[in-house]
Amino acid sequence: MLTPTDFNHVFNQSIRVSSPYITLVARKNSFNHPRLGFAIAKKQVKRAHERNRLKRVIRDHFRLAQHELPAIDVIVMARTAAIDIDNAALRQVLDKLWQRLLITQQNKS
């Protein structure tokens, strides 16, 4: 997702699942596949290399998990604590968040 219209669409009437490190905001889309967007603020993650690492790990994890996800748009927001965990722990957090997102999405439908 790239355009502000896409992001505004997701933020309106969305489903949120959170951890102390990451928040996922999701909403159904009209496509046949899930899409991913990032809203990682410089205020939360100050250094560019840290924001880039988070986006790289999350993007790769999404690529591997997207076949399990329904047609939804997902926005990832990171908290300051996310810079302190390593890549393996971040993947575990994402696994749990994807599962909670699926359960919440199914209950809402």
N, C-alpha and C. Protein backbone atom coordinates (compact mmCIF):
# COMPACT_ATOMS: atom_id res chain seq x y z
N MET A 1 0.84 -1.17 0.00
CA MET A 1 0.00 0.00 0.00
C MET A 1 0.89 1.23 0.00
N LEU A 2 0.54 2.18 -0.83
CA LEU A 2 1.39 3.35 -0.95
C LEU A 2 0.65 4.67 -0.78
N THR A 3 -0.60 4.74 -1.20
CA THR A 3 -1.28 6.03 -1.23
C THR A 3 -1.95 6.36 0.10
N PRO A 4 -2.08 7.65 0.40
CA PRO A 4 -2.78 8.05 1.62
C PRO A 4 -4.24 7.56 1.65
N THR A 5 -4.86 7.44 0.50
CA THR A 5 -6.23 6.94 0.43
C THR A 5 -6.30 5.50 0.95
N ASP A 6 -5.33 4.67 0.55
CA ASP A 6 -5.28 3.29 1.04
C ASP A 6 -5.12 3.25 2.56
N PHE A 7 -4.24 4.09 3.09
CA PHE A 7 -4.00 4.11 4.53
C PHE A 7 -5.23 4.61 5.28
N ASN A 8 -5.86 5.68 4.78
CA ASN A 8 -7.07 6.21 5.43
C ASN A 8 -8.19 5.18 5.42
N HIS A 9 -8.31 4.42 4.34
CA HIS A 9 -9.33 3.38 4.25
C HIS A 9 -9.13 2.34 5.35
N VAL A 10 -7.89 1.98 5.61
CA VAL A 10 -7.60 0.97 6.63
C VAL A 10 -7.85 1.53 8.02
N PHE A 11 -7.44 2.77 8.27
CA PHE A 11 -7.60 3.33 9.61
C PHE A 11 -9.06 3.54 9.99
N ASN A 12 -9.94 3.68 9.01
CA ASN A 12 -11.38 3.78 9.27
C ASN A 12 -11.95 2.39 9.41
N GLN A 13 -12.64 2.11 10.50
CA GLN A 13 -13.30 0.82 10.75
C GLN A 13 -12.31 -0.34 10.65
N SER A 14 -11.27 -0.28 11.43
CA SER A 14 -10.22 -1.29 11.34
C SER A 14 -10.25 -2.25 12.52
N ILE A 15 -9.50 -3.32 12.37
CA ILE A 15 -9.25 -4.29 13.43
C ILE A 15 -7.81 -4.06 13.89
N ARG A 16 -7.61 -4.02 15.20
CA ARG A 16 -6.26 -3.80 15.73
C ARG A 16 -5.86 -4.96 16.63
N VAL A 17 -4.64 -5.43 16.44
CA VAL A 17 -4.03 -6.39 17.36
C VAL A 17 -2.66 -5.83 17.73
N SER A 18 -2.31 -5.95 19.00
CA SER A 18 -1.09 -5.30 19.49
C SER A 18 -0.24 -6.23 20.34
N SER A 19 1.01 -5.86 20.41
CA SER A 19 1.97 -6.44 21.34
C SER A 19 2.74 -5.26 21.91
N PRO A 20 3.62 -5.49 22.86
CA PRO A 20 4.42 -4.36 23.37
C PRO A 20 5.37 -3.77 22.31
N TYR A 21 5.55 -4.47 21.20
CA TYR A 21 6.50 -4.04 20.18
C TYR A 21 5.85 -3.55 18.89
N ILE A 22 4.79 -4.22 18.46
CA ILE A 22 4.19 -3.98 17.15
C ILE A 22 2.67 -3.89 17.30
N THR A 23 2.05 -3.05 16.48
CA THR A 23 0.59 -3.01 16.36
C THR A 23 0.24 -3.24 14.90
N LEU A 24 -0.70 -4.14 14.66
CA LEU A 24 -1.21 -4.37 13.31
C LEU A 24 -2.62 -3.80 13.21
N VAL A 25 -2.85 -3.00 12.18
CA VAL A 25 -4.16 -2.43 11.91
C VAL A 25 -4.60 -3.01 10.58
N ALA A 26 -5.78 -3.63 10.54
CA ALA A 26 -6.19 -4.34 9.32
C ALA A 26 -7.64 -4.05 8.97
N ARG A 27 -7.94 -4.22 7.68
CA ARG A 27 -9.29 -4.09 7.16
C ARG A 27 -9.38 -4.87 5.85
N LYS A 28 -10.55 -5.43 5.58
CA LYS A 28 -10.73 -6.17 4.32
C LYS A 28 -10.50 -5.24 3.14
N ASN A 29 -9.97 -5.84 2.05
CA ASN A 29 -9.80 -5.06 0.82
C ASN A 29 -10.57 -5.71 -0.31
N SER A 30 -10.59 -5.05 -1.45
CA SER A 30 -11.36 -5.55 -2.60
C SER A 30 -10.49 -6.34 -3.57
N PHE A 31 -9.27 -6.62 -3.20
CA PHE A 31 -8.36 -7.39 -4.05
C PHE A 31 -8.45 -8.87 -3.67
N ASN A 32 -7.73 -9.70 -4.36
CA ASN A 32 -7.71 -11.13 -4.07
C ASN A 32 -6.51 -11.55 -3.25
N HIS A 33 -5.80 -10.58 -2.70
CA HIS A 33 -4.58 -10.87 -1.95
C HIS A 33 -4.40 -9.84 -0.84
N PRO A 34 -3.64 -10.20 0.20
CA PRO A 34 -3.36 -9.24 1.27
C PRO A 34 -2.30 -8.23 0.83
N ARG A 35 -2.37 -7.04 1.42
CA ARG A 35 -1.38 -6.00 1.13
C ARG A 35 -0.82 -5.48 2.44
N LEU A 36 0.40 -4.96 2.39
CA LEU A 36 1.12 -4.53 3.59
C LEU A 36 1.54 -3.07 3.45
N GLY A 37 1.42 -2.32 4.54
CA GLY A 37 1.88 -0.94 4.59
C GLY A 37 2.57 -0.69 5.92
N PHE A 38 3.40 0.33 5.97
CA PHE A 38 4.15 0.65 7.18
C PHE A 38 3.86 2.07 7.63
N ALA A 39 3.71 2.25 8.93
CA ALA A 39 3.58 3.56 9.55
C ALA A 39 4.49 3.55 10.77
N ILE A 40 5.78 3.58 10.51
CA ILE A 40 6.77 3.54 11.58
C ILE A 40 7.32 4.96 11.74
N ALA A 41 6.92 5.62 12.81
CA ALA A 41 7.25 7.02 13.02
C ALA A 41 8.70 7.20 13.48
N LYS A 42 9.30 8.28 13.02
CA LYS A 42 10.65 8.61 13.47
C LYS A 42 10.66 8.91 14.96
N LYS A 43 9.53 9.36 15.48
CA LYS A 43 9.44 9.63 16.90
C LYS A 43 9.56 8.35 17.73
N GLN A 44 9.05 7.24 17.19
CA GLN A 44 9.11 5.96 17.88
C GLN A 44 10.44 5.23 17.65
N VAL A 45 10.89 5.19 16.40
CA VAL A 45 12.14 4.50 16.03
C VAL A 45 13.02 5.54 15.35
N LYS A 46 13.92 6.11 16.11
CA LYS A 46 14.64 7.29 15.66
C LYS A 46 15.63 7.07 14.52
N ARG A 47 16.38 5.98 14.56
CA ARG A 47 17.45 5.78 13.58
C ARG A 47 16.94 5.06 12.34
N ALA A 48 17.38 5.53 11.18
CA ALA A 48 16.92 4.98 9.91
C ALA A 48 17.28 3.50 9.78
N HIS A 49 18.46 3.12 10.20
CA HIS A 49 18.86 1.72 10.04
C HIS A 49 17.99 0.80 10.91
N GLU A 50 17.50 1.30 12.04
CA GLU A 50 16.60 0.50 12.87
C GLU A 50 15.23 0.37 12.22
N ARG A 51 14.70 1.47 11.66
CA ARG A 51 13.43 1.41 10.93
C ARG A 51 13.55 0.48 9.73
N ASN A 52 14.65 0.55 9.02
CA ASN A 52 14.85 -0.30 7.85
C ASN A 52 14.93 -1.78 8.23
N ARG A 53 15.60 -2.08 9.35
CA ARG A 53 15.69 -3.47 9.81
C ARG A 53 14.30 -4.01 10.14
N LEU A 54 13.53 -3.21 10.87
CA LEU A 54 12.17 -3.64 11.21
C LEU A 54 11.35 -3.89 9.95
N LYS A 55 11.40 -2.96 9.01
CA LYS A 55 10.62 -3.12 7.78
C LYS A 55 11.09 -4.33 6.99
N ARG A 56 12.38 -4.57 6.93
CA ARG A 56 12.91 -5.71 6.18
C ARG A 56 12.44 -7.03 6.79
N VAL A 57 12.53 -7.16 8.10
CA VAL A 57 12.13 -8.40 8.78
C VAL A 57 10.61 -8.60 8.65
N ILE A 58 9.84 -7.54 8.85
CA ILE A 58 8.38 -7.64 8.77
C ILE A 58 7.95 -7.96 7.34
N ARG A 59 8.56 -7.31 6.36
CA ARG A 59 8.21 -7.56 4.96
C ARG A 59 8.50 -9.02 4.58
N ASP A 60 9.64 -9.54 5.02
CA ASP A 60 9.99 -10.93 4.72
C ASP A 60 9.02 -11.89 5.41
N HIS A 61 8.69 -11.60 6.64
CA HIS A 61 7.75 -12.46 7.37
C HIS A 61 6.37 -12.43 6.72
N PHE A 62 5.94 -11.25 6.27
CA PHE A 62 4.66 -11.13 5.56
C PHE A 62 4.68 -11.94 4.26
N ARG A 63 5.79 -11.88 3.56
CA ARG A 63 5.91 -12.61 2.30
C ARG A 63 5.70 -14.11 2.53
N LEU A 64 6.24 -14.62 3.63
CA LEU A 64 6.12 -16.05 3.93
C LEU A 64 4.73 -16.41 4.47
N ALA A 65 4.05 -15.46 5.12
CA ALA A 65 2.76 -15.75 5.76
C ALA A 65 1.56 -15.33 4.92
N GLN A 66 1.77 -14.65 3.80
CA GLN A 66 0.65 -14.07 3.08
C GLN A 66 -0.31 -15.11 2.50
N HIS A 67 0.16 -16.32 2.23
CA HIS A 67 -0.73 -17.34 1.69
C HIS A 67 -1.77 -17.79 2.72
N GLU A 68 -1.52 -17.54 4.01
CA GLU A 68 -2.47 -17.90 5.06
C GLU A 68 -3.45 -16.78 5.37
N LEU A 69 -3.17 -15.57 4.88
CA LEU A 69 -4.00 -14.42 5.20
C LEU A 69 -5.11 -14.22 4.18
N PRO A 70 -6.27 -13.73 4.62
CA PRO A 70 -7.34 -13.42 3.68
C PRO A 70 -7.02 -12.12 2.93
N ALA A 71 -7.93 -11.65 2.11
CA ALA A 71 -7.74 -10.42 1.35
C ALA A 71 -7.94 -9.23 2.28
N ILE A 72 -6.86 -8.82 2.93
CA ILE A 72 -6.91 -7.69 3.85
C ILE A 72 -5.74 -6.76 3.59
N ASP A 73 -5.92 -5.51 4.01
CA ASP A 73 -4.83 -4.54 4.03
C ASP A 73 -4.33 -4.46 5.46
N VAL A 74 -3.03 -4.53 5.65
CA VAL A 74 -2.44 -4.51 6.99
C VAL A 74 -1.45 -3.36 7.06
N ILE A 75 -1.60 -2.53 8.10
CA ILE A 75 -0.63 -1.47 8.38
C ILE A 75 0.12 -1.87 9.65
N VAL A 76 1.43 -1.80 9.58
CA VAL A 76 2.28 -2.15 10.72
C VAL A 76 2.79 -0.87 11.36
N MET A 77 2.57 -0.76 12.67
CA MET A 77 3.09 0.37 13.43
C MET A 77 4.01 -0.19 14.51
N ALA A 78 5.20 0.38 14.62
CA ALA A 78 6.19 -0.12 15.59
C ALA A 78 6.27 0.83 16.78
N ARG A 79 6.56 0.25 17.93
CA ARG A 79 6.77 1.04 19.14
C ARG A 79 8.26 1.10 19.43
N THR A 80 8.63 1.96 20.33
CA THR A 80 10.04 2.17 20.66
C THR A 80 10.71 0.89 21.14
N ALA A 81 9.98 0.05 21.84
CA ALA A 81 10.56 -1.19 22.38
C ALA A 81 10.98 -2.17 21.28
N ALA A 82 10.48 -1.99 20.06
CA ALA A 82 10.78 -2.91 18.95
C ALA A 82 12.26 -2.89 18.57
N ILE A 83 12.95 -1.81 18.84
CA ILE A 83 14.37 -1.75 18.46
C ILE A 83 15.25 -2.60 19.36
N ASP A 84 14.72 -2.99 20.52
CA ASP A 84 15.52 -3.74 21.48
C ASP A 84 15.45 -5.26 21.30
N ILE A 85 14.53 -5.75 20.46
CA ILE A 85 14.43 -7.20 20.28
C ILE A 85 15.16 -7.61 19.01
N ASP A 86 15.66 -8.84 19.01
CA ASP A 86 16.38 -9.33 17.84
C ASP A 86 15.38 -9.84 16.79
N ASN A 87 15.91 -10.20 15.64
CA ASN A 87 15.07 -10.61 14.51
C ASN A 87 14.25 -11.86 14.81
N ALA A 88 14.83 -12.83 15.49
CA ALA A 88 14.11 -14.07 15.80
C ALA A 88 12.93 -13.79 16.73
N ALA A 89 13.14 -12.96 17.73
CA ALA A 89 12.06 -12.62 18.65
C ALA A 89 10.98 -11.81 17.94
N LEU A 90 11.38 -10.95 17.02
CA LEU A 90 10.42 -10.17 16.24
C LEU A 90 9.56 -11.09 15.38
N ARG A 91 10.16 -12.12 14.79
CA ARG A 91 9.39 -13.08 14.00
C ARG A 91 8.38 -13.83 14.86
N GLN A 92 8.76 -14.19 16.09
CA GLN A 92 7.83 -14.86 16.99
C GLN A 92 6.66 -13.96 17.35
N VAL A 93 6.94 -12.70 17.60
CA VAL A 93 5.87 -11.73 17.90
C VAL A 93 4.94 -11.62 16.71
N LEU A 94 5.50 -11.55 15.51
CA LEU A 94 4.68 -11.44 14.30
C LEU A 94 3.83 -12.68 14.08
N ASP A 95 4.38 -13.88 14.36
CA ASP A 95 3.59 -15.11 14.25
C ASP A 95 2.34 -15.03 15.11
N LYS A 96 2.52 -14.60 16.36
CA LYS A 96 1.39 -14.50 17.29
C LYS A 96 0.39 -13.44 16.81
N LEU A 97 0.90 -12.32 16.31
CA LEU A 97 0.00 -11.26 15.85
C LEU A 97 -0.79 -11.68 14.61
N TRP A 98 -0.16 -12.40 13.67
CA TRP A 98 -0.88 -12.88 12.48
C TRP A 98 -2.01 -13.81 12.90
N GLN A 99 -1.72 -14.71 13.86
CA GLN A 99 -2.74 -15.65 14.33
C GLN A 99 -3.89 -14.91 15.01
N ARG A 100 -3.58 -13.95 15.86
CA ARG A 100 -4.63 -13.17 16.51
C ARG A 100 -5.43 -12.37 15.51
N LEU A 101 -4.76 -11.87 14.48
CA LEU A 101 -5.45 -11.11 13.43
C LEU A 101 -6.42 -12.01 12.67
N LEU A 102 -5.99 -13.22 12.35
CA LEU A 102 -6.87 -14.17 11.67
C LEU A 102 -8.10 -14.50 12.51
N ILE A 103 -7.89 -14.75 13.78
CA ILE A 103 -9.02 -15.08 14.67
C ILE A 103 -9.97 -13.90 14.80
N THR A 104 -9.43 -12.71 14.97
CA THR A 104 -10.26 -11.52 15.09
C THR A 104 -11.02 -11.25 13.80
N GLN A 105 -10.35 -11.42 12.67
CA GLN A 105 -10.98 -11.22 11.36
C GLN A 105 -12.13 -12.21 11.16
N GLN A 106 -11.94 -13.46 11.53
CA GLN A 106 -12.98 -14.46 11.38
C GLN A 106 -14.17 -14.19 12.30
N ASN A 107 -13.91 -13.73 13.51
CA ASN A 107 -14.98 -13.43 14.45
C ASN A 107 -15.79 -12.22 14.01
N LYS A 108 -15.15 -11.27 13.36
CA LYS A 108 -15.84 -10.07 12.91
C LYS A 108 -16.70 -10.32 11.68
N SER A 109 -16.29 -11.30 10.87
CA SER A 109 -17.01 -11.58 9.62
C SER A 109 -18.36 -12.21 9.83
